């Protein structure tokens, strides 16, 4: 799992690359917590995401809750499989997910 970072002003785009699962979610969370200090707009790009487990979903929800306190978070580029997972788990109602056009 990699995290690609693109910053600009108080905005941050974090691109998840590869798998987000129980083996790496804690490390990714630790990295993200450092990165979001002072950030008011977090964009999570899932274009290069290959797999996400329940640990990854928990991480996304935790980041959403933290960002609600200091700004906002949006998820972009979720493929059909991930969107189906968001719908089945109810996360589609909890998270701000940009719809692909």
PDB file of N, CA and C in Angstrom:
ATOM      1  N   UNK A   1       0.846  -1.186   0.000  1.00  0.00           N
ATOM      2  CA  UNK A   1       0.000   0.000   0.000  1.00  0.00           C
ATOM      3  C   UNK A   1       0.873   1.224   0.000  1.00  0.00           C
ATOM      4  N   UNK A   2       0.572   2.128  -0.870  1.00  0.00           N
ATOM      5  CA  UNK A   2       1.262   3.403  -0.941  1.00  0.00           C
ATOM      6  C   UNK A   2       0.256   4.520  -0.718  1.00  0.00           C
ATOM      7  N   UNK A   3       0.782   5.658  -0.337  1.00  0.00           N
ATOM      8  CA  UNK A   3      -0.031   6.851  -0.212  1.00  0.00           C
ATOM      9  C   UNK A   3       0.661   7.932  -1.020  1.00  0.00           C
ATOM     10  N   UNK A   4      -0.014   8.393  -2.058  1.00  0.00           N
ATOM     11  CA  UNK A   4       0.513   9.509  -2.839  1.00  0.00           C
ATOM     12  C   UNK A   4      -0.117  10.768  -2.292  1.00  0.00           C
ATOM     13  N   UNK A   5       0.694  11.813  -2.130  1.00  0.00           N
ATOM     14  CA  UNK A   5       0.229  13.035  -1.489  1.00  0.00           C
ATOM     15  C   UNK A   5       0.376  14.208  -2.448  1.00  0.00           C
ATOM     16  N   UNK A   6      -0.674  14.995  -2.573  1.00  0.00           N
ATOM     17  CA  UNK A   6      -0.659  16.210  -3.382  1.00  0.00           C
ATOM     18  C   UNK A   6      -1.235  17.322  -2.524  1.00  0.00           C
ATOM     19  N   UNK A   7      -0.433  18.321  -2.214  1.00  0.00           N
ATOM     20  CA  UNK A   7      -0.880  19.390  -1.316  1.00  0.00           C
ATOM     21  C   UNK A   7      -0.977  20.709  -2.068  1.00  0.00           C
ATOM     22  N   UNK A   8      -1.864  21.549  -1.579  1.00  0.00           N
ATOM     23  CA  UNK A   8      -2.012  22.894  -2.113  1.00  0.00           C
ATOM     24  C   UNK A   8      -2.769  23.742  -1.115  1.00  0.00           C
ATOM     25  N   UNK A   9      -2.121  24.751  -0.537  1.00  0.00           N
ATOM     26  CA  UNK A   9      -2.774  25.590   0.462  1.00  0.00           C
ATOM     27  C   UNK A   9      -3.211  24.767   1.651  1.00  0.00           C
ATOM     28  N   UNK A  10      -4.495  24.855   1.986  1.00  0.00           N
ATOM     29  CA  UNK A  10      -5.010  24.062   3.108  1.00  0.00           C
ATOM     30  C   UNK A  10      -5.722  22.807   2.620  1.00  0.00           C
ATOM     31  N   UNK A  11      -5.519  22.477   1.341  1.00  0.00           N
ATOM     32  CA  UNK A  11      -6.109  21.267   0.779  1.00  0.00           C
ATOM     33  C   UNK A  11      -5.067  20.172   0.637  1.00  0.00           C
ATOM     34  N   UNK A  12      -5.529  18.931   0.697  1.00  0.00           N
ATOM     35  CA  UNK A  12      -4.654  17.775   0.549  1.00  0.00           C
ATOM     36  C   UNK A  12      -5.405  16.695  -0.211  1.00  0.00           C
ATOM     37  N   UNK A  13      -4.750  16.120  -1.207  1.00  0.00           N
ATOM     38  CA  UNK A  13      -5.281  14.943  -1.880  1.00  0.00           C
ATOM     39  C   UNK A  13      -4.406  13.767  -1.504  1.00  0.00           C
ATOM     40  N   UNK A  14      -5.024  12.746  -0.947  1.00  0.00           N
ATOM     41  CA  UNK A  14      -4.327  11.516  -0.579  1.00  0.00           C
ATOM     42  C   UNK A  14      -4.824  10.418  -1.506  1.00  0.00           C
ATOM     43  N   UNK A  15      -3.937   9.895  -2.338  1.00  0.00           N
ATOM     44  CA  UNK A  15      -4.301   8.840  -3.275  1.00  0.00           C
ATOM     45  C   UNK A  15      -3.885   7.493  -2.695  1.00  0.00           C
ATOM     46  N   UNK A  16      -4.862   6.628  -2.486  1.00  0.00           N
ATOM     47  CA  UNK A  16      -4.583   5.277  -1.987  1.00  0.00           C
ATOM     48  C   UNK A  16      -4.159   4.420  -3.177  1.00  0.00           C
ATOM     49  N   UNK A  17      -3.013   3.762  -3.050  1.00  0.00           N
ATOM     50  CA  UNK A  17      -2.474   2.938  -4.131  1.00  0.00           C
ATOM     51  C   UNK A  17      -2.303   1.509  -3.622  1.00  0.00           C
ATOM     52  N   UNK A  18      -2.919   0.553  -4.309  1.00  0.00           N
ATOM     53  CA  UNK A  18      -2.795  -0.846  -3.910  1.00  0.00           C
ATOM     54  C   UNK A  18      -3.912  -1.268  -2.980  1.00  0.00           C
ATOM     55  N   UNK A  19      -3.554  -2.045  -1.958  1.00  0.00           N
ATOM     56  CA  UNK A  19      -4.527  -2.588  -1.003  1.00  0.00           C
ATOM     57  C   UNK A  19      -4.536  -1.791   0.290  1.00  0.00           C
ATOM     58  N   UNK A  20      -5.720  -1.640   0.868  1.00  0.00           N
ATOM     59  CA  UNK A  20      -5.857  -1.091   2.218  1.00  0.00           C
ATOM     60  C   UNK A  20      -6.579  -2.167   3.021  1.00  0.00           C
ATOM     61  N   UNK A  21      -5.834  -2.790   3.924  1.00  0.00           N
ATOM     62  CA  UNK A  21      -6.387  -3.896   4.690  1.00  0.00           C
ATOM     63  C   UNK A  21      -5.836  -3.875   6.114  1.00  0.00           C
ATOM     64  N   UNK A  22      -6.129  -4.923   6.865  1.00  0.00           N
ATOM     65  CA  UNK A  22      -5.719  -4.959   8.272  1.00  0.00           C
ATOM     66  C   UNK A  22      -4.202  -4.978   8.436  1.00  0.00           C
ATOM     67  N   UNK A  23      -3.480  -5.346   7.409  1.00  0.00           N
ATOM     68  CA  UNK A  23      -2.020  -5.383   7.496  1.00  0.00           C
ATOM     69  C   UNK A  23      -1.384  -3.996   7.438  1.00  0.00           C
ATOM     70  N   UNK A  24      -2.071  -3.038   6.809  1.00  0.00           N
ATOM     71  CA  UNK A  24      -1.451  -1.725   6.642  1.00  0.00           C
ATOM     72  C   UNK A  24      -2.328  -0.538   7.038  1.00  0.00           C
ATOM     73  N   UNK A  25      -3.558  -0.775   7.458  1.00  0.00           N
ATOM     74  CA  UNK A  25      -4.468   0.330   7.776  1.00  0.00           C
ATOM     75  C   UNK A  25      -3.951   1.186   8.933  1.00  0.00           C
ATOM     76  N   UNK A  26      -3.369   0.567   9.944  1.00  0.00           N
ATOM     77  CA  UNK A  26      -2.867   1.330  11.095  1.00  0.00           C
ATOM     78  C   UNK A  26      -1.708   2.236  10.684  1.00  0.00           C
ATOM     79  N   UNK A  27      -0.815   1.730   9.860  1.00  0.00           N
ATOM     80  CA  UNK A  27       0.309   2.539   9.373  1.00  0.00           C
ATOM     81  C   UNK A  27      -0.191   3.694   8.509  1.00  0.00           C
ATOM     82  N   UNK A  28      -1.157   3.402   7.652  1.00  0.00           N
ATOM     83  CA  UNK A  28      -1.727   4.439   6.800  1.00  0.00           C
ATOM     84  C   UNK A  28      -2.425   5.495   7.644  1.00  0.00           C
ATOM     85  N   UNK A  29      -3.148   5.072   8.677  1.00  0.00           N
ATOM     86  CA  UNK A  29      -3.824   6.009   9.575  1.00  0.00           C
ATOM     87  C   UNK A  29      -2.808   6.932  10.251  1.00  0.00           C
ATOM     88  N   UNK A  30      -1.725   6.363  10.725  1.00  0.00           N
ATOM     89  CA  UNK A  30      -0.681   7.147  11.378  1.00  0.00           C
ATOM     90  C   UNK A  30      -0.113   8.202  10.429  1.00  0.00           C
ATOM     91  N   UNK A  31       0.132   7.811   9.192  1.00  0.00           N
ATOM     92  CA  UNK A  31       0.650   8.754   8.196  1.00  0.00           C
ATOM     93  C   UNK A  31      -0.366   9.853   7.885  1.00  0.00           C
ATOM     94  N   UNK A  32      -1.629   9.461   7.732  1.00  0.00           N
ATOM     95  CA  UNK A  32      -2.665  10.437   7.413  1.00  0.00           C
ATOM     96  C   UNK A  32      -2.886  11.424   8.551  1.00  0.00           C
ATOM     97  N   UNK A  33      -2.833  10.945   9.783  1.00  0.00           N
ATOM     98  CA  UNK A  33      -3.025  11.841  10.921  1.00  0.00           C
ATOM     99  C   UNK A  33      -1.973  12.943  10.937  1.00  0.00           C
ATOM    100  N   UNK A  34      -0.758  12.617  10.562  1.00  0.00           N
ATOM    101  CA  UNK A  34       0.303  13.633  10.476  1.00  0.00           C
ATOM    102  C   UNK A  34       0.039  14.588   9.315  1.00  0.00           C
ATOM    103  N   UNK A  35      -0.429  14.041   8.201  1.00  0.00           N
ATOM    104  CA  UNK A  35      -0.633  14.826   6.989  1.00  0.00           C
ATOM    105  C   UNK A  35      -1.789  15.818   7.095  1.00  0.00           C
ATOM    106  N   UNK A  36      -2.833  15.484   7.862  1.00  0.00           N
ATOM    107  CA  UNK A  36      -4.023  16.339   7.852  1.00  0.00           C
ATOM    108  C   UNK A  36      -3.957  17.500   8.842  1.00  0.00           C
ATOM    109  N   UNK A  37      -2.862  17.618   9.572  1.00  0.00           N
ATOM    110  CA  UNK A  37      -2.723  18.774  10.463  1.00  0.00           C
ATOM    111  C   UNK A  37      -2.774  20.052   9.632  1.00  0.00           C
ATOM    112  N   UNK A  38      -3.702  20.938   9.965  1.00  0.00           N
ATOM    113  CA  UNK A  38      -3.846  22.201   9.262  1.00  0.00           C
ATOM    114  C   UNK A  38      -4.610  22.116   7.958  1.00  0.00           C
ATOM    115  N   UNK A  39      -5.039  20.938   7.579  1.00  0.00           N
ATOM    116  CA  UNK A  39      -5.785  20.741   6.328  1.00  0.00           C
ATOM    117  C   UNK A  39      -7.270  20.963   6.592  1.00  0.00           C
ATOM    118  N   UNK A  40      -7.915  21.738   5.722  1.00  0.00           N
ATOM    119  CA  UNK A  40      -9.352  21.948   5.859  1.00  0.00           C
ATOM    120  C   UNK A  40     -10.148  21.225   4.774  1.00  0.00           C
ATOM    121  N   UNK A  41      -9.476  20.813   3.706  1.00  0.00           N
ATOM    122  CA  UNK A  41     -10.147  20.083   2.625  1.00  0.00           C
ATOM    123  C   UNK A  41      -9.312  18.863   2.265  1.00  0.00           C
ATOM    124  N   UNK A  42      -9.812  17.680   2.625  1.00  0.00           N
ATOM    125  CA  UNK A  42      -9.126  16.429   2.314  1.00  0.00           C
ATOM    126  C   UNK A  42      -9.870  15.722   1.195  1.00  0.00           C
ATOM    127  N   UNK A  43      -9.144  15.377   0.151  1.00  0.00           N
ATOM    128  CA  UNK A  43      -9.688  14.582  -0.944  1.00  0.00           C
ATOM    129  C   UNK A  43      -8.989  13.236  -0.915  1.00  0.00           C
ATOM    130  N   UNK A  44      -9.771  12.170  -0.874  1.00  0.00           N
ATOM    131  CA  UNK A  44      -9.220  10.816  -0.898  1.00  0.00           C
ATOM    132  C   UNK A  44      -9.512  10.241  -2.280  1.00  0.00           C
ATOM    133  N   UNK A  45      -8.441  10.019  -3.045  1.00  0.00           N
ATOM    134  CA  UNK A  45      -8.549   9.529  -4.417  1.00  0.00           C
ATOM    135  C   UNK A  45      -8.352   8.011  -4.415  1.00  0.00           C
ATOM    136  N   UNK A  46      -9.364   7.285  -4.873  1.00  0.00           N
ATOM    137  CA  UNK A  46      -9.320   5.826  -4.871  1.00  0.00           C
ATOM    138  C   UNK A  46      -9.062   5.244  -6.259  1.00  0.00           C
ATOM    139  N   UNK A  47      -8.617   6.060  -7.191  1.00  0.00           N
ATOM    140  CA  UNK A  47      -8.413   5.610  -8.575  1.00  0.00           C
ATOM    141  C   UNK A  47      -7.455   4.422  -8.659  1.00  0.00           C
ATOM    142  N   UNK A  48      -6.413   4.411  -7.847  1.00  0.00           N
ATOM    143  CA  UNK A  48      -5.404   3.347  -7.908  1.00  0.00           C
ATOM    144  C   UNK A  48      -5.590   2.298  -6.806  1.00  0.00           C
ATOM    145  N   UNK A  49      -6.727   2.359  -6.109  1.00  0.00           N
ATOM    146  CA  UNK A  49      -7.031   1.381  -5.068  1.00  0.00           C
ATOM    147  C   UNK A  49      -7.376   0.050  -5.724  1.00  0.00           C
ATOM    148  N   UNK A  50      -6.763  -1.027  -5.239  1.00  0.00           N
ATOM    149  CA  UNK A  50      -7.042  -2.356  -5.780  1.00  0.00           C
ATOM    150  C   UNK A  50      -7.969  -3.162  -4.870  1.00  0.00           C
ATOM    151  N   UNK A  51      -7.866  -2.938  -3.556  1.00  0.00           N
ATOM    152  CA  UNK A  51      -8.673  -3.701  -2.606  1.00  0.00           C
ATOM    153  C   UNK A  51      -8.800  -2.897  -1.322  1.00  0.00           C
ATOM    154  N   UNK A  52      -9.989  -2.964  -0.705  1.00  0.00           N
ATOM    155  CA  UNK A  52     -10.178  -2.334   0.601  1.00  0.00           C
ATOM    156  C   UNK A  52     -10.970  -3.297   1.494  1.00  0.00           C
ATOM    157  N   UNK A  53     -10.469  -3.512   2.697  1.00  0.00           N
ATOM    158  CA  UNK A  53     -11.131  -4.400   3.665  1.00  0.00           C
ATOM    159  C   UNK A  53     -11.934  -3.561   4.644  1.00  0.00           C
ATOM    160  N   UNK A  54     -12.522  -4.239   5.629  1.00  0.00           N
ATOM    161  CA  UNK A  54     -13.272  -3.521   6.658  1.00  0.00           C
ATOM    162  C   UNK A  54     -12.356  -2.580   7.445  1.00  0.00           C
ATOM    163  N   UNK A  55     -11.089  -2.937   7.589  1.00  0.00           N
ATOM    164  CA  UNK A  55     -10.135  -2.046   8.264  1.00  0.00           C
ATOM    165  C   UNK A  55      -9.949  -0.759   7.454  1.00  0.00           C
ATOM    166  N   UNK A  56      -9.951  -0.881   6.155  1.00  0.00           N
ATOM    167  CA  UNK A  56      -9.848   0.299   5.291  1.00  0.00           C
ATOM    168  C   UNK A  56     -11.095   1.161   5.360  1.00  0.00           C
ATOM    169  N   UNK A  57     -12.254   0.510   5.418  1.00  0.00           N
ATOM    170  CA  UNK A  57     -13.506   1.261   5.569  1.00  0.00           C
ATOM    171  C   UNK A  57     -13.516   2.008   6.896  1.00  0.00           C
ATOM    172  N   UNK A  58     -13.065   1.361   7.939  1.00  0.00           N
ATOM    173  CA  UNK A  58     -12.986   2.007   9.252  1.00  0.00           C
ATOM    174  C   UNK A  58     -12.063   3.219   9.181  1.00  0.00           C
ATOM    175  N   UNK A  59     -10.959   3.091   8.490  1.00  0.00           N
ATOM    176  CA  UNK A  59     -10.028   4.212   8.331  1.00  0.00           C
ATOM    177  C   UNK A  59     -10.699   5.379   7.614  1.00  0.00           C
ATOM    178  N   UNK A  60     -11.410   5.105   6.539  1.00  0.00           N
ATOM    179  CA  UNK A  60     -12.104   6.178   5.816  1.00  0.00           C
ATOM    180  C   UNK A  60     -13.120   6.876   6.714  1.00  0.00           C
ATOM    181  N   UNK A  61     -13.870   6.090   7.493  1.00  0.00           N
ATOM    182  CA  UNK A  61     -14.868   6.687   8.390  1.00  0.00           C
ATOM    183  C   UNK A  61     -14.198   7.525   9.469  1.00  0.00           C
ATOM    184  N   UNK A  62     -13.096   7.039  10.016  1.00  0.00           N
ATOM    185  CA  UNK A  62     -12.377   7.785  11.046  1.00  0.00           C
ATOM    186  C   UNK A  62     -11.856   9.113  10.488  1.00  0.00           C
ATOM    187  N   UNK A  63     -11.292   9.074   9.278  1.00  0.00           N
ATOM    188  CA  UNK A  63     -10.794  10.299   8.653  1.00  0.00           C
ATOM    189  C   UNK A  63     -11.954  11.273   8.398  1.00  0.00           C
ATOM    190  N   UNK A  64     -13.094  10.730   7.984  1.00  0.00           N
ATOM    191  CA  UNK A  64     -14.286  11.557   7.760  1.00  0.00           C
ATOM    192  C   UNK A  64     -14.694  12.276   9.050  1.00  0.00           C
ATOM    193  N   UNK A  65     -14.716  11.531  10.160  1.00  0.00           N
ATOM    194  CA  UNK A  65     -15.100  12.127  11.450  1.00  0.00           C
ATOM    195  C   UNK A  65     -14.107  13.192  11.891  1.00  0.00           C
ATOM    196  N   UNK A  66     -12.827  12.939  11.720  1.00  0.00           N
ATOM    197  CA  UNK A  66     -11.805  13.927  12.078  1.00  0.00           C
ATOM    198  C   UNK A  66     -11.905  15.169  11.208  1.00  0.00           C
ATOM    199  N   UNK A  67     -12.109  14.971   9.917  1.00  0.00           N
ATOM    200  CA  UNK A  67     -12.172  16.111   9.004  1.00  0.00           C
ATOM    201  C   UNK A  67     -13.450  16.927   9.194  1.00  0.00           C
ATOM    202  N   UNK A  68     -14.519  16.313   9.682  1.00  0.00           N
ATOM    203  CA  UNK A  68     -15.739  17.066   9.976  1.00  0.00           C
ATOM    204  C   UNK A  68     -15.471  18.149  11.011  1.00  0.00           C
ATOM    205  N   UNK A  69     -14.515  17.898  11.903  1.00  0.00           N
ATOM    206  CA  UNK A  69     -14.181  18.849  12.959  1.00  0.00           C
ATOM    207  C   UNK A  69     -13.317  19.998  12.452  1.00  0.00           C
ATOM    208  N   UNK A  70     -12.562  19.766  11.389  1.00  0.00           N
ATOM    209  CA  UNK A  70     -11.635  20.807  10.926  1.00  0.00           C
ATOM    210  C   UNK A  70     -11.879  21.248   9.492  1.00  0.00           C
ATOM    211  N   UNK A  71     -12.880  20.667   8.841  1.00  0.00           N
ATOM    212  CA  UNK A  71     -13.158  21.042   7.454  1.00  0.00           C
ATOM    213  C   UNK A  71     -14.046  20.004   6.794  1.00  0.00           C
ATOM    214  N   UNK A  72     -13.574  19.472   5.678  1.00  0.00           N
ATOM    215  CA  UNK A  72     -14.390  18.507   4.950  1.00  0.00           C
ATOM    216  C   UNK A  72     -13.511  17.461   4.273  1.00  0.00           C
ATOM    217  N   UNK A  73     -14.158  16.364   3.883  1.00  0.00           N
ATOM    218  CA  UNK A  73     -13.481  15.289   3.174  1.00  0.00           C
ATOM    219  C   UNK A  73     -14.391  14.793   2.064  1.00  0.00           C
ATOM    220  N   UNK A  74     -13.816  14.524   0.916  1.00  0.00           N
ATOM    221  CA  UNK A  74     -14.558  13.953  -0.197  1.00  0.00           C
ATOM    222  C   UNK A  74     -13.750  12.788  -0.759  1.00  0.00           C
ATOM    223  N   UNK A  75     -14.469  11.759  -1.175  1.00  0.00           N
ATOM    224  CA  UNK A  75     -13.853  10.596  -1.806  1.00  0.00           C
ATOM    225  C   UNK A  75     -14.130  10.682  -3.298  1.00  0.00           C
ATOM    226  N   UNK A  76     -13.078  10.502  -4.097  1.00  0.00           N
ATOM    227  CA  UNK A  76     -13.240  10.563  -5.548  1.00  0.00           C
ATOM    228  C   UNK A  76     -12.713   9.278  -6.186  1.00  0.00           C
ATOM    229  N   UNK A  77     -13.161   9.039  -7.405  1.00  0.00           N
ATOM    230  CA  UNK A  77     -12.676   7.947  -8.252  1.00  0.00           C
ATOM    231  C   UNK A  77     -12.871   6.554  -7.664  1.00  0.00           C
ATOM    232  N   UNK A  78     -13.961   6.351  -6.931  1.00  0.00           N
ATOM    233  CA  UNK A  78     -14.285   5.012  -6.446  1.00  0.00           C
ATOM    234  C   UNK A  78     -14.851   4.213  -7.619  1.00  0.00           C
ATOM    235  N   UNK A  79     -14.277   3.034  -7.877  1.00  0.00           N
ATOM    236  CA  UNK A  79     -14.781   2.230  -8.984  1.00  0.00           C
ATOM    237  C   UNK A  79     -16.103   1.563  -8.596  1.00  0.00           C
ATOM    238  N   UNK A  80     -16.699   0.856  -9.540  1.00  0.00           N
ATOM    239  CA  UNK A  80     -18.019   0.261  -9.313  1.00  0.00           C
ATOM    240  C   UNK A  80     -18.013  -0.738  -8.157  1.00  0.00           C
ATOM    241  N   UNK A  81     -16.950  -1.515  -8.038  1.00  0.00           N
ATOM    242  CA  UNK A  81     -16.855  -2.511  -6.973  1.00  0.00           C
ATOM    243  C   UNK A  81     -16.812  -1.842  -5.595  1.00  0.00           C
ATOM    244  N   UNK A  82     -16.022  -0.785  -5.469  1.00  0.00           N
ATOM    245  CA  UNK A  82     -15.930  -0.061  -4.197  1.00  0.00           C
ATOM    246  C   UNK A  82     -17.250   0.648  -3.902  1.00  0.00           C
ATOM    247  N   UNK A  83     -17.870   1.226  -4.930  1.00  0.00           N
ATOM    248  CA  UNK A  83     -19.167   1.879  -4.720  1.00  0.00           C
ATOM    249  C   UNK A  83     -20.207   0.877  -4.240  1.00  0.00           C
ATOM    250  N   UNK A  84     -20.175  -0.326  -4.790  1.00  0.00           N
ATOM    251  CA  UNK A  84     -21.107  -1.358  -4.347  1.00  0.00           C
ATOM    252  C   UNK A  84     -20.874  -1.689  -2.873  1.00  0.00           C
ATOM    253  N   UNK A  85     -19.613  -1.743  -2.473  1.00  0.00           N
ATOM    254  CA  UNK A  85     -19.275  -1.982  -1.068  1.00  0.00           C
ATOM    255  C   UNK A  85     -19.794  -0.842  -0.188  1.00  0.00           C
ATOM    256  N   UNK A  86     -19.622   0.404  -0.647  1.00  0.00           N
ATOM    257  CA  UNK A  86     -20.124   1.556   0.102  1.00  0.00           C
ATOM    258  C   UNK A  86     -21.650   1.481   0.254  1.00  0.00           C
ATOM    259  N   UNK A  87     -22.340   1.054  -0.787  1.00  0.00           N
ATOM    260  CA  UNK A  87     -23.802   0.936  -0.738  1.00  0.00           C
ATOM    261  C   UNK A  87     -24.204  -0.180   0.226  1.00  0.00           C
ATOM    262  N   UNK A  88     -23.561  -1.356   0.093  1.00  0.00           N
ATOM    263  CA  UNK A  88     -23.917  -2.508   0.940  1.00  0.00           C
ATOM    264  C   UNK A  88     -23.667  -2.235   2.416  1.00  0.00           C
ATOM    265  N   UNK A  89     -22.641  -1.459   2.737  1.00  0.00           N
ATOM    266  CA  UNK A  89     -22.307  -1.195   4.136  1.00  0.00           C
ATOM    267  C   UNK A  89     -23.010   0.043   4.691  1.00  0.00           C
ATOM    268  N   UNK A  90     -23.663   0.800   3.833  1.00  0.00           N
ATOM    269  CA  UNK A  90     -24.324   2.033   4.260  1.00  0.00           C
ATOM    270  C   UNK A  90     -23.395   3.233   4.301  1.00  0.00           C
ATOM    271  N   UNK A  91     -22.138   3.030   3.927  1.00  0.00           N
ATOM    272  CA  UNK A  91     -21.177   4.136   3.933  1.00  0.00           C
ATOM    273  C   UNK A  91     -21.532   5.204   2.909  1.00  0.00           C
ATOM    274  N   UNK A  92     -22.297   4.832   1.906  1.00  0.00           N
ATOM    275  CA  UNK A  92     -22.693   5.811   0.899  1.00  0.00           C
ATOM    276  C   UNK A  92     -23.513   6.939   1.527  1.00  0.00           C
ATOM    277  N   UNK A  93     -24.193   6.631   2.632  1.00  0.00           N
ATOM    278  CA  UNK A  93     -24.983   7.658   3.343  1.00  0.00           C
ATOM    279  C   UNK A  93     -24.147   8.428   4.347  1.00  0.00           C
ATOM    280  N   UNK A  94     -23.002   7.869   4.751  1.00  0.00           N
ATOM    281  CA  UNK A  94     -22.161   8.490   5.776  1.00  0.00           C
ATOM    282  C   UNK A  94     -21.055   9.367   5.204  1.00  0.00           C
ATOM    283  N   UNK A  95     -20.483   8.930   4.107  1.00  0.00           N
ATOM    284  CA  UNK A  95     -19.322   9.613   3.527  1.00  0.00           C
ATOM    285  C   UNK A  95     -19.735  10.512   2.381  1.00  0.00           C
ATOM    286  N   UNK A  96     -18.937  11.525   2.124  1.00  0.00           N
ATOM    287  CA  UNK A  96     -19.150  12.403   0.975  1.00  0.00           C
ATOM    288  C   UNK A  96     -18.383  11.801  -0.194  1.00  0.00           C
ATOM    289  N   UNK A  97     -19.129  11.181  -1.120  1.00  0.00           N
ATOM    290  CA  UNK A  97     -18.517  10.487  -2.246  1.00  0.00           C
ATOM    291  C   UNK A  97     -18.931  11.185  -3.529  1.00  0.00           C
ATOM    292  N   UNK A  98     -17.930  11.668  -4.275  1.00  0.00           N
ATOM    293  CA  UNK A  98     -18.214  12.324  -5.554  1.00  0.00           C
ATOM    294  C   UNK A  98     -18.605  11.257  -6.562  1.00  0.00           C
ATOM    295  N   UNK A  99     -19.708  11.490  -7.254  1.00  0.00           N
ATOM    296  CA  UNK A  99     -20.206  10.548  -8.248  1.00  0.00           C
ATOM    297  C   UNK A  99     -19.426  10.755  -9.542  1.00  0.00           C
ATOM    298  N   UNK A 100     -19.016   9.627 -10.136  1.00  0.00           N
ATOM    299  CA  UNK A 100     -18.304   9.694 -11.421  1.00  0.00           C
ATOM    300  C   UNK A 100     -19.274  10.136 -12.493  1.00  0.00           C
ATOM    301  N   UNK A 101     -18.770  10.955 -13.391  1.00  0.00           N
ATOM    302  CA  UNK A 101     -19.631  11.426 -14.498  1.00  0.00           C
ATOM    303  C   UNK A 101     -19.320  10.674 -15.755  1.00  0.00           C
TER     304      UNK A 101
END
